[in-house]
Amino acid sequence: MQYVYPPVRTSVLQLICSFVFVIGAQAAFPASDGTRLYAPCVVCHQPNAWGSPDGRIPNLAGQKERYLARQIASFRSKARVSTAMRLVSAHSTFSNPLEVSSLADYLSALESNPKPVTGAGEHLRLGQEIYTHLCTGCHGHDGRGGPDDRVPRIAKQHYPYLRRQLDEVALLHRKLISREMTTVLRNMRPQEKDALADYISRLENSEALLDLNPRDTRETLPGPISH
């Protein structure tokens, strides 16, 4: 599915998410009840935690537990920047590590979205080449993240979300990733980011993806890959 950005819709959705959370968070959620803890998130991330239909809001289902817990803390401390998530994470519910852990455990146990929003399907071999060079060391060849749950699963995440993250990584993760990585991403061309995000959104195993576009080689885009 090729993606077209709808900025107005996203702004409205963020306001709705924030409003619903303020109302829903008035209830007290038991620390052991992940379903109840997730209730305020449903309007944005959907009941199955598969993210928004347009792919701008990420899939959370099947994500690494410790990574999810750390992201809530990062939004709460403003290390990550998001208007909606700042309001959500600022609530006293998420000041309790047990409740945060319970929510993260609930989400990590859910089945991940099997059909994420993908890009145009062009330059997948280029995307694979960039991914292999830059990403496999931390995220693994299959994109499922590190064994200690600190590195997130990115395989089959929505293309629009991934693409935005690549553009805004220096802002959104300024205290979370190395300066070397932010420099690499800043120097990548838009076409390279398109290819990388599209490849990751389809990633299950690199061997299968390599054969999708056999004629799509590095020479498809002029110039060297930015390192």
Protein backbone atom coordinates (compact mmCIF):
# COMPACT_ATOMS: atom_id res chain seq x y z
CA MET A 1 0.00 0.00 0.00
CA GLN A 2 1.51 3.30 -1.03
CA TYR A 3 1.18 5.94 1.62
CA VAL A 4 0.02 9.56 1.25
CA TYR A 5 0.52 11.83 4.26
CA PRO A 6 -2.62 13.38 5.82
CA PRO A 7 -1.22 15.97 8.30
CA VAL A 8 -4.58 17.50 9.27
CA ARG A 9 -6.06 14.15 10.19
CA THR A 10 -3.07 13.30 12.35
CA SER A 11 -3.30 16.53 14.36
CA VAL A 12 -6.98 15.97 15.03
CA LEU A 13 -6.33 12.37 16.04
CA GLN A 14 -3.65 13.43 18.52
CA LEU A 15 -6.09 15.85 20.16
CA ILE A 16 -8.73 13.11 20.38
CA CYS A 17 -6.21 10.69 21.89
CA SER A 18 -5.21 13.24 24.50
CA PHE A 19 -8.83 14.07 25.36
CA VAL A 20 -9.87 10.44 25.68
CA PHE A 21 -6.92 9.68 27.93
CA VAL A 22 -7.72 12.55 30.29
CA ILE A 23 -11.26 11.19 30.71
CA GLY A 24 -10.34 7.51 30.81
CA ALA A 25 -7.45 7.95 33.20
CA GLN A 26 -9.79 9.16 35.94
CA ALA A 27 -10.48 5.51 36.70
CA ALA A 28 -8.04 3.59 38.91
CA PHE A 29 -6.45 0.65 37.08
CA PRO A 30 -5.16 -2.37 39.00
CA ALA A 31 -1.45 -2.91 38.44
CA SER A 32 -2.02 -6.49 37.30
CA ASP A 33 -4.69 -5.65 34.72
CA GLY A 34 -2.96 -4.86 31.43
CA THR A 35 -6.24 -4.72 29.53
CA ARG A 36 -7.56 -1.95 31.74
CA LEU A 37 -4.27 -0.10 31.64
CA TYR A 38 -4.38 -0.19 27.85
CA ALA A 39 -7.96 1.14 27.64
CA PRO A 40 -6.99 4.84 27.25
CA CYS A 41 -4.66 3.90 24.37
CA VAL A 42 -7.30 2.12 22.28
CA VAL A 43 -8.58 5.18 20.42
CA CYS A 44 -5.14 5.83 18.87
CA HIS A 45 -3.46 2.42 18.78
CA GLN A 46 -6.67 0.39 18.18
CA PRO A 47 -8.08 -2.46 20.33
CA ASN A 48 -5.55 -4.97 18.97
CA ALA A 49 -2.66 -2.46 19.39
CA TRP A 50 -1.92 -2.68 15.65
CA GLY A 51 -1.66 1.08 15.24
CA SER A 52 -3.74 3.43 13.10
CA PRO A 53 -5.14 2.29 9.72
CA ASP A 54 -3.10 4.96 7.95
CA GLY A 55 0.12 3.70 9.55
CA ARG A 56 1.15 6.95 11.22
CA ILE A 57 0.57 5.59 14.74
CA PRO A 58 2.76 2.53 15.38
CA ASN A 59 1.94 -1.06 16.06
CA LEU A 60 2.66 -1.87 19.72
CA ALA A 61 1.52 -5.49 19.74
CA GLY A 62 4.41 -7.93 20.06
CA GLN A 63 6.92 -5.21 20.86
CA LYS A 64 9.72 -5.87 23.35
CA GLU A 65 8.50 -5.54 26.94
CA ARG A 66 11.48 -3.69 28.39
CA TYR A 67 11.64 -1.40 25.38
CA LEU A 68 7.98 -0.44 25.80
CA ALA A 69 8.46 0.30 29.49
CA ARG A 70 11.50 2.42 28.73
CA GLN A 71 9.64 4.41 26.07
CA ILE A 72 6.87 5.31 28.49
CA ALA A 73 9.53 6.59 30.87
CA SER A 74 11.21 8.46 28.00
CA PHE A 75 8.00 10.22 27.02
CA ARG A 76 7.36 11.02 30.66
CA SER A 77 10.83 12.56 31.06
CA LYS A 78 10.51 14.36 27.68
CA ALA A 79 13.52 12.51 26.26
CA ARG A 80 11.07 11.59 23.50
CA VAL A 81 8.77 14.28 22.19
CA SER A 82 5.09 13.74 21.36
CA THR A 83 2.17 15.92 22.46
CA ALA A 84 -0.28 13.05 22.86
CA MET A 85 2.16 10.65 24.50
CA ARG A 86 3.47 13.34 26.82
CA LEU A 87 -0.04 13.82 28.21
CA VAL A 88 -0.60 10.08 28.49
CA SER A 89 2.71 9.29 30.15
CA ALA A 90 2.47 12.27 32.53
CA HIS A 91 -0.52 10.75 34.32
CA SER A 92 0.15 9.38 37.78
CA THR A 93 -0.78 5.89 36.55
CA PHE A 94 2.57 5.73 34.78
CA SER A 95 4.58 6.91 37.75
CA ASN A 96 4.16 3.41 39.17
CA PRO A 97 6.78 1.05 37.66
CA LEU A 98 4.54 -1.95 38.37
CA GLU A 99 1.73 -0.51 36.27
CA VAL A 100 4.10 0.41 33.47
CA SER A 101 5.56 -3.10 33.55
CA SER A 102 2.08 -4.62 33.53
CA LEU A 103 1.05 -2.62 30.48
CA ALA A 104 4.29 -3.43 28.65
CA ASP A 105 3.92 -7.13 29.45
CA TYR A 106 0.34 -7.10 28.13
CA LEU A 107 1.32 -5.44 24.85
CA SER A 108 4.36 -7.62 24.26
CA ALA A 109 2.20 -10.75 24.51
CA LEU A 110 -0.23 -9.62 21.79
CA GLU A 111 0.05 -10.88 18.21
CA SER A 112 1.83 -8.36 16.00
CA ASN A 113 0.09 -6.80 13.01
CA PRO A 114 0.50 -9.26 10.11
CA LYS A 115 -0.36 -6.67 7.43
CA PRO A 116 1.28 -3.32 8.19
CA VAL A 117 1.04 -0.34 5.87
CA THR A 118 3.95 -0.58 3.44
CA GLY A 119 5.55 1.75 0.92
CA ALA A 120 5.55 1.67 -2.86
CA GLY A 121 7.62 -1.53 -3.07
CA GLU A 122 10.40 0.14 -5.06
CA HIS A 123 14.12 -0.19 -4.34
CA LEU A 124 13.72 -3.00 -1.82
CA ARG A 125 17.17 -4.36 -2.63
CA LEU A 126 18.63 -0.96 -1.85
CA GLY A 127 16.66 -0.96 1.40
CA GLN A 128 18.05 -4.37 2.23
CA GLU A 129 21.61 -3.25 1.53
CA ILE A 130 21.26 -0.23 3.82
CA TYR A 131 19.55 -2.29 6.51
CA THR A 132 22.26 -4.96 6.41
CA HIS A 133 25.00 -2.36 6.70
CA LEU A 134 23.45 -0.11 9.36
CA CYS A 135 20.80 -1.98 11.32
CA THR A 136 21.48 -5.70 11.69
CA GLY A 137 24.09 -5.25 14.41
CA CYS A 138 21.43 -4.07 16.85
CA HIS A 139 18.06 -5.09 15.41
CA GLY A 140 19.11 -8.44 13.94
CA HIS A 141 18.81 -9.66 10.35
CA ASP A 142 15.11 -10.34 10.94
CA GLY A 143 14.37 -7.00 12.62
CA ARG A 144 13.12 -8.61 15.82
CA GLY A 145 15.44 -6.70 18.13
CA GLY A 146 17.99 -7.73 20.71
CA PRO A 147 17.70 -10.68 23.09
CA ASP A 148 17.71 -8.42 26.16
CA ASP A 149 14.50 -6.62 25.05
CA ARG A 150 16.22 -3.22 25.08
CA VAL A 151 16.45 -2.95 21.29
CA PRO A 152 12.99 -2.77 19.71
CA ARG A 153 11.41 -5.01 17.16
CA ILE A 154 11.05 -3.00 13.95
CA ALA A 155 10.12 -5.78 11.49
CA LYS A 156 6.67 -5.23 9.91
CA GLN A 157 6.21 -1.87 11.58
CA HIS A 158 4.13 0.62 9.56
CA TYR A 159 6.03 2.34 6.75
CA PRO A 160 4.68 5.87 7.46
CA TYR A 161 5.72 5.63 11.11
CA LEU A 162 9.16 4.25 10.26
CA ARG A 163 9.68 6.89 7.59
CA ARG A 164 8.82 9.68 10.00
CA GLN A 165 11.13 8.23 12.63
CA LEU A 166 14.03 8.25 10.19
CA ASP A 167 13.43 11.93 9.49
CA GLU A 168 12.94 12.98 13.08
CA VAL A 169 15.28 10.66 14.93
CA ALA A 170 17.60 13.45 16.03
CA LEU A 171 14.66 15.18 17.73
CA LEU A 172 12.61 12.23 18.97
CA HIS A 173 15.53 10.18 20.28
CA ARG A 174 18.11 12.84 21.00
CA LYS A 175 19.00 11.29 24.38
CA LEU A 176 18.47 7.68 23.41
CA ILE A 177 20.78 6.88 20.51
CA SER A 178 24.37 7.63 19.61
CA ARG A 179 25.50 10.81 17.89
CA GLU A 180 27.08 8.63 15.19
CA MET A 181 23.71 7.14 14.29
CA THR A 182 21.92 10.49 14.16
CA THR A 183 24.69 11.77 11.87
CA VAL A 184 24.31 8.78 9.55
CA LEU A 185 20.56 9.25 9.31
CA ARG A 186 20.83 12.98 8.72
CA ASN A 187 23.15 12.33 5.78
CA MET A 188 20.92 9.75 4.11
CA ARG A 189 19.05 10.89 1.03
CA PRO A 190 15.21 10.84 1.06
CA GLN A 191 15.19 7.98 -1.47
CA GLU A 192 17.44 5.92 0.79
CA LYS A 193 15.16 6.51 3.76
CA ASP A 194 12.16 5.54 1.63
CA ALA A 195 13.86 2.30 0.63
CA LEU A 196 14.98 1.48 4.16
CA ALA A 197 11.58 2.14 5.78
CA ASP A 198 9.77 0.17 3.07
CA TYR A 199 12.13 -2.77 3.45
CA ILE A 200 11.70 -2.87 7.24
CA SER A 201 7.91 -2.67 6.94
CA ARG A 202 7.98 -5.88 4.88
CA LEU A 203 10.74 -7.61 6.82
CA GLU A 204 10.21 -11.20 7.90
CA ASN A 205 13.40 -12.71 6.55
CA SER A 206 15.94 -11.01 4.33
CA GLU A 207 16.27 -13.89 1.90
CA ALA A 208 12.62 -13.75 0.87
CA LEU A 209 12.63 -9.98 0.39
CA LEU A 210 15.78 -10.07 -1.69
CA ASP A 211 13.87 -11.82 -4.49
CA LEU A 212 10.86 -9.49 -4.62
CA ASN A 213 12.45 -7.05 -7.07
CA PRO A 214 15.36 -8.86 -8.73
CA ARG A 215 16.10 -5.91 -11.05
CA ASP A 216 16.12 -3.34 -8.26
CA THR A 217 19.82 -2.84 -7.58
CA ARG A 218 21.96 -0.20 -5.95
CA GLU A 219 22.40 1.50 -9.33
CA THR A 220 18.66 2.31 -9.40
CA LEU A 221 19.47 5.47 -7.47
CA PRO A 222 22.46 7.58 -8.53
CA GLY A 223 25.41 8.13 -6.25
CA PRO A 224 26.80 6.22 -3.28
CA ILE A 225 24.91 5.27 -0.16
CA SER A 226 25.55 7.84 2.56
CA HIS A 227 27.46 6.30 5.46
